[in-house]
Amino acid sequence: MEVKLNEDDFIVSKTDLEGKITYGNRTFIEMSGYSEKELLGAPHNILRHEDMPKIVFSLLWSRIQNKDSISAYVKNLRKDGKYYWVFANATASVDQDDNIVGYYSVRRKPTDSAVKAVEGLYEELLQVEKSEGVKASEQYLNTLLDEKGIGYDEFVLSLQK
């Protein structure tokens, strides 16, 4: 069963270098269904839904570890087994010497049309991952984007309109 964010809700969370949660705002805690105590120190992937292709997180980690931001549509799993979709933007947190000290993400409600578009794409990517692996899934995604003549960032942002 899906739980939807309100239009004006923003979810904010921060993690350490290993992806363990160090901060979550009230909306993050409420949407996750976990208590703040359960979330702090837990791996952020505690919220990973089985419908999410691994390639999405591979792209995310690759980008943020290079200090580049990335946006993605993510289906999260709540503690109670329900789920919620977010339009996420993730980036690295850096110190005064430009060293990565953690990561943070701000998420908001995705458009219904974006969710419909990525649900089908994610199903295809999952099938490729299950039969041929994550590298094949990445190649499949890149081929689709090449056929559309756009890059990943442009594609993701175009869906939110």
C-alpha atoms as a PDB file:
ATOM      1  CA  MET A   1       0.000   0.000   0.000  1.00  0.00           C
ATOM      2  CA  GLU A   2       1.330   3.398  -0.987  1.00  0.00           C
ATOM      3  CA  VAL A   3       1.648   6.363   1.341  1.00  0.00           C
ATOM      4  CA  LYS A   4       2.018   9.696  -0.435  1.00  0.00           C
ATOM      5  CA  LEU A   5       3.938  12.758   0.573  1.00  0.00           C
ATOM      6  CA  ASN A   6       2.083  16.047   0.689  1.00  0.00           C
ATOM      7  CA  GLU A   7       2.977  18.613  -1.970  1.00  0.00           C
ATOM      8  CA  ASP A   8       4.820  20.824   0.522  1.00  0.00           C
ATOM      9  CA  ASP A   9       6.666  18.036   2.382  1.00  0.00           C
ATOM     10  CA  PHE A  10      10.429  17.783   2.220  1.00  0.00           C
ATOM     11  CA  ILE A  11      12.357  14.808   3.543  1.00  0.00           C
ATOM     12  CA  VAL A  12      15.916  15.491   4.650  1.00  0.00           C
ATOM     13  CA  SER A  13      18.455  12.969   5.855  1.00  0.00           C
ATOM     14  CA  LYS A  14      22.202  12.860   6.332  1.00  0.00           C
ATOM     15  CA  THR A  15      24.561   9.909   6.480  1.00  0.00           C
ATOM     16  CA  ASP A  16      28.165   9.311   7.369  1.00  0.00           C
ATOM     17  CA  LEU A  17      30.708   8.062   4.849  1.00  0.00           C
ATOM     18  CA  GLU A  18      29.439   4.495   5.251  1.00  0.00           C
ATOM     19  CA  GLY A  19      25.803   5.408   4.574  1.00  0.00           C
ATOM     20  CA  LYS A  20      24.682   5.205   8.214  1.00  0.00           C
ATOM     21  CA  ILE A  21      21.982   7.703   9.124  1.00  0.00           C
ATOM     22  CA  THR A  22      23.195  10.613  11.268  1.00  0.00           C
ATOM     23  CA  TYR A  23      20.183  12.918  10.878  1.00  0.00           C
ATOM     24  CA  GLY A  24      16.609  12.772   9.689  1.00  0.00           C
ATOM     25  CA  ASN A  25      14.029  15.528   9.811  1.00  0.00           C
ATOM     26  CA  ARG A  26      10.553  14.980  11.246  1.00  0.00           C
ATOM     27  CA  THR A  27       9.061  14.134   7.838  1.00  0.00           C
ATOM     28  CA  PHE A  28      11.785  11.547   7.188  1.00  0.00           C
ATOM     29  CA  ILE A  29      11.089   9.870  10.517  1.00  0.00           C
ATOM     30  CA  GLU A  30       7.307   9.919  10.045  1.00  0.00           C
ATOM     31  CA  MET A  31       7.381   8.619   6.468  1.00  0.00           C
ATOM     32  CA  SER A  32       9.818   5.818   7.335  1.00  0.00           C
ATOM     33  CA  GLY A  33       7.618   4.490  10.130  1.00  0.00           C
ATOM     34  CA  TYR A  34      10.703   4.022  12.310  1.00  0.00           C
ATOM     35  CA  SER A  35      11.500   5.945  15.456  1.00  0.00           C
ATOM     36  CA  GLU A  36      14.386   8.393  15.424  1.00  0.00           C
ATOM     37  CA  LYS A  37      16.267   6.039  17.754  1.00  0.00           C
ATOM     38  CA  GLU A  38      15.813   3.143  15.296  1.00  0.00           C
ATOM     39  CA  LEU A  39      17.022   5.252  12.365  1.00  0.00           C
ATOM     40  CA  LEU A  40      20.092   6.946  13.816  1.00  0.00           C
ATOM     41  CA  GLY A  41      23.117   4.772  13.160  1.00  0.00           C
ATOM     42  CA  ALA A  42      21.176   2.417  10.882  1.00  0.00           C
ATOM     43  CA  PRO A  43      22.235   1.962   7.247  1.00  0.00           C
ATOM     44  CA  HIS A  44      20.172   4.192   4.955  1.00  0.00           C
ATOM     45  CA  ASN A  45      19.354   1.143   2.858  1.00  0.00           C
ATOM     46  CA  ILE A  46      17.027   0.032   5.671  1.00  0.00           C
ATOM     47  CA  LEU A  47      14.469   1.847   3.483  1.00  0.00           C
ATOM     48  CA  ARG A  48      15.412   0.140   0.217  1.00  0.00           C
ATOM     49  CA  HIS A  49      12.416  -1.375  -1.537  1.00  0.00           C
ATOM     50  CA  GLU A  50      12.906  -4.603  -3.481  1.00  0.00           C
ATOM     51  CA  ASP A  51      11.396  -2.920  -6.565  1.00  0.00           C
ATOM     52  CA  MET A  52      14.413  -0.601  -6.817  1.00  0.00           C
ATOM     53  CA  PRO A  53      17.059  -1.579  -9.368  1.00  0.00           C
ATOM     54  CA  LYS A  54      20.586  -1.709  -8.015  1.00  0.00           C
ATOM     55  CA  ILE A  55      21.842   0.394 -10.920  1.00  0.00           C
ATOM     56  CA  VAL A  56      20.003   3.453  -9.537  1.00  0.00           C
ATOM     57  CA  PHE A  57      21.974   3.237  -6.294  1.00  0.00           C
ATOM     58  CA  SER A  58      25.171   2.430  -8.164  1.00  0.00           C
ATOM     59  CA  LEU A  59      24.750   5.659 -10.143  1.00  0.00           C
ATOM     60  CA  LEU A  60      23.904   7.563  -6.979  1.00  0.00           C
ATOM     61  CA  TRP A  61      26.978   6.406  -5.058  1.00  0.00           C
ATOM     62  CA  SER A  62      29.258   6.936  -8.042  1.00  0.00           C
ATOM     63  CA  ARG A  63      28.099  10.522  -8.422  1.00  0.00           C
ATOM     64  CA  ILE A  64      28.100  11.611  -4.799  1.00  0.00           C
ATOM     65  CA  GLN A  65      31.489  10.054  -4.112  1.00  0.00           C
ATOM     66  CA  ASN A  66      32.785  12.305  -6.905  1.00  0.00           C
ATOM     67  CA  LYS A  67      31.128  15.322  -5.230  1.00  0.00           C
ATOM     68  CA  ASP A  68      28.500  15.544  -7.953  1.00  0.00           C
ATOM     69  CA  SER A  69      24.838  15.758  -7.087  1.00  0.00           C
ATOM     70  CA  ILE A  70      22.261  13.422  -8.581  1.00  0.00           C
ATOM     71  CA  SER A  71      18.494  13.262  -8.735  1.00  0.00           C
ATOM     72  CA  ALA A  72      16.536  10.029  -8.852  1.00  0.00           C
ATOM     73  CA  TYR A  73      13.099   8.597  -8.280  1.00  0.00           C
ATOM     74  CA  VAL A  74      13.168   6.212  -5.356  1.00  0.00           C
ATOM     75  CA  LYS A  75      10.590   3.829  -3.982  1.00  0.00           C
ATOM     76  CA  ASN A  76      11.191   3.483  -0.246  1.00  0.00           C
ATOM     77  CA  LEU A  77       9.996   0.755   2.073  1.00  0.00           C
ATOM     78  CA  ARG A  78       8.460   1.764   5.386  1.00  0.00           C
ATOM     79  CA  LYS A  79       8.815  -0.238   8.588  1.00  0.00           C
ATOM     80  CA  ASP A  80       5.138  -1.293   8.328  1.00  0.00           C
ATOM     81  CA  GLY A  81       5.650  -2.741   4.825  1.00  0.00           C
ATOM     82  CA  LYS A  82       3.964   0.156   3.033  1.00  0.00           C
ATOM     83  CA  TYR A  83       5.943   2.209   0.544  1.00  0.00           C
ATOM     84  CA  TYR A  84       6.348   5.766  -0.676  1.00  0.00           C
ATOM     85  CA  TRP A  85       7.881   7.366  -3.754  1.00  0.00           C
ATOM     86  CA  VAL A  86      10.221  10.333  -3.603  1.00  0.00           C
ATOM     87  CA  PHE A  87      12.033  12.570  -6.035  1.00  0.00           C
ATOM     88  CA  ALA A  88      15.462  12.661  -4.394  1.00  0.00           C
ATOM     89  CA  ASN A  89      18.484  14.861  -4.784  1.00  0.00           C
ATOM     90  CA  ALA A  90      21.635  13.560  -3.126  1.00  0.00           C
ATOM     91  CA  THR A  91      25.049  15.105  -2.756  1.00  0.00           C
ATOM     92  CA  ALA A  92      28.199  14.959  -0.675  1.00  0.00           C
ATOM     93  CA  SER A  93      28.777  17.087   2.411  1.00  0.00           C
ATOM     94  CA  VAL A  94      32.281  18.534   2.416  1.00  0.00           C
ATOM     95  CA  ASP A  95      34.411  20.193   5.062  1.00  0.00           C
ATOM     96  CA  GLN A  96      36.407  23.425   4.712  1.00  0.00           C
ATOM     97  CA  ASP A  97      39.210  21.520   2.959  1.00  0.00           C
ATOM     98  CA  ASP A  98      36.771  20.015   0.421  1.00  0.00           C
ATOM     99  CA  ASN A  99      36.975  16.538   1.959  1.00  0.00           C
ATOM    100  CA  ILE A 100      33.795  14.485   1.916  1.00  0.00           C
ATOM    101  CA  VAL A 101      32.517  14.088   5.476  1.00  0.00           C
ATOM    102  CA  GLY A 102      29.126  12.551   4.702  1.00  0.00           C
ATOM    103  CA  TYR A 103      26.167  12.698   2.373  1.00  0.00           C
ATOM    104  CA  TYR A 104      22.759  14.307   2.417  1.00  0.00           C
ATOM    105  CA  SER A 105      19.572  13.995   0.499  1.00  0.00           C
ATOM    106  CA  VAL A 106      16.514  16.175   0.111  1.00  0.00           C
ATOM    107  CA  ARG A 107      13.397  14.500  -1.203  1.00  0.00           C
ATOM    108  CA  ARG A 108       9.988  15.702  -2.268  1.00  0.00           C
ATOM    109  CA  LYS A 109       6.830  14.331  -3.801  1.00  0.00           C
ATOM    110  CA  PRO A 110       7.300  13.149  -7.383  1.00  0.00           C
ATOM    111  CA  THR A 111       4.689  13.794 -10.037  1.00  0.00           C
ATOM    112  CA  ASP A 112       2.300  10.926 -10.717  1.00  0.00           C
ATOM    113  CA  SER A 113       3.412  10.856 -14.351  1.00  0.00           C
ATOM    114  CA  ALA A 114       7.061  10.516 -13.303  1.00  0.00           C
ATOM    115  CA  VAL A 115       6.250   7.587 -11.034  1.00  0.00           C
ATOM    116  CA  LYS A 116       4.344   5.854 -13.838  1.00  0.00           C
ATOM    117  CA  ALA A 117       7.271   6.350 -16.201  1.00  0.00           C
ATOM    118  CA  VAL A 118       9.924   5.040 -13.823  1.00  0.00           C
ATOM    119  CA  GLU A 119       7.866   2.104 -12.563  1.00  0.00           C
ATOM    120  CA  GLY A 120       7.955   0.542 -16.015  1.00  0.00           C
ATOM    121  CA  LEU A 121      11.601   1.409 -16.526  1.00  0.00           C
ATOM    122  CA  TYR A 122      12.570   0.024 -13.117  1.00  0.00           C
ATOM    123  CA  GLU A 123      10.740  -3.233 -13.838  1.00  0.00           C
ATOM    124  CA  GLU A 124      12.758  -3.591 -17.054  1.00  0.00           C
ATOM    125  CA  LEU A 125      16.026  -2.757 -15.284  1.00  0.00           C
ATOM    126  CA  LEU A 126      15.281  -5.281 -12.534  1.00  0.00           C
ATOM    127  CA  GLN A 127      14.625  -8.019 -15.082  1.00  0.00           C
ATOM    128  CA  VAL A 128      17.944  -7.289 -16.779  1.00  0.00           C
ATOM    129  CA  GLU A 129      19.739  -7.249 -13.413  1.00  0.00           C
ATOM    130  CA  LYS A 130      18.246 -10.568 -12.382  1.00  0.00           C
ATOM    131  CA  SER A 131      19.175 -12.296 -15.615  1.00  0.00           C
ATOM    132  CA  GLU A 132      22.398 -10.543 -16.626  1.00  0.00           C
ATOM    133  CA  GLY A 133      23.659  -8.422 -13.691  1.00  0.00           C
ATOM    134  CA  VAL A 134      24.030  -4.772 -12.778  1.00  0.00           C
ATOM    135  CA  LYS A 135      26.507  -3.946 -15.553  1.00  0.00           C
ATOM    136  CA  ALA A 136      24.002  -5.173 -18.136  1.00  0.00           C
ATOM    137  CA  SER A 137      21.319  -3.085 -16.447  1.00  0.00           C
ATOM    138  CA  GLU A 138      23.542  -0.014 -16.732  1.00  0.00           C
ATOM    139  CA  GLN A 139      24.151  -0.755 -20.395  1.00  0.00           C
ATOM    140  CA  TYR A 140      20.402  -1.188 -20.945  1.00  0.00           C
ATOM    141  CA  LEU A 141      19.703   2.184 -19.302  1.00  0.00           C
ATOM    142  CA  ASN A 142      22.443   3.919 -21.295  1.00  0.00           C
ATOM    143  CA  THR A 143      21.098   2.456 -24.544  1.00  0.00           C
ATOM    144  CA  LEU A 144      17.596   3.724 -23.743  1.00  0.00           C
ATOM    145  CA  LEU A 145      18.941   7.193 -22.984  1.00  0.00           C
ATOM    146  CA  ASP A 146      21.058   7.197 -26.153  1.00  0.00           C
ATOM    147  CA  GLU A 147      17.971   6.273 -28.194  1.00  0.00           C
ATOM    148  CA  LYS A 148      16.154   9.253 -26.640  1.00  0.00           C
ATOM    149  CA  GLY A 149      19.170  11.458 -27.310  1.00  0.00           C
ATOM    150  CA  ILE A 150      19.408  12.674 -23.703  1.00  0.00           C
ATOM    151  CA  GLY A 151      21.574  12.129 -20.657  1.00  0.00           C
ATOM    152  CA  TYR A 152      20.463  10.697 -17.340  1.00  0.00           C
ATOM    153  CA  ASP A 153      20.078  14.065 -15.585  1.00  0.00           C
ATOM    154  CA  GLU A 154      18.027  15.585 -18.389  1.00  0.00           C
ATOM    155  CA  PHE A 155      15.816  12.493 -18.497  1.00  0.00           C
ATOM    156  CA  VAL A 156      15.130  12.460 -14.762  1.00  0.00           C
ATOM    157  CA  LEU A 157      14.387  16.177 -14.583  1.00  0.00           C
ATOM    158  CA  SER A 158      12.121  16.030 -17.642  1.00  0.00           C
ATOM    159  CA  LEU A 159       9.863  13.532 -15.878  1.00  0.00           C
ATOM    160  CA  GLN A 160       9.219  15.838 -12.919  1.00  0.00           C
ATOM    161  CA  LYS A 161       7.573  18.507 -15.080  1.00  0.00           C
END
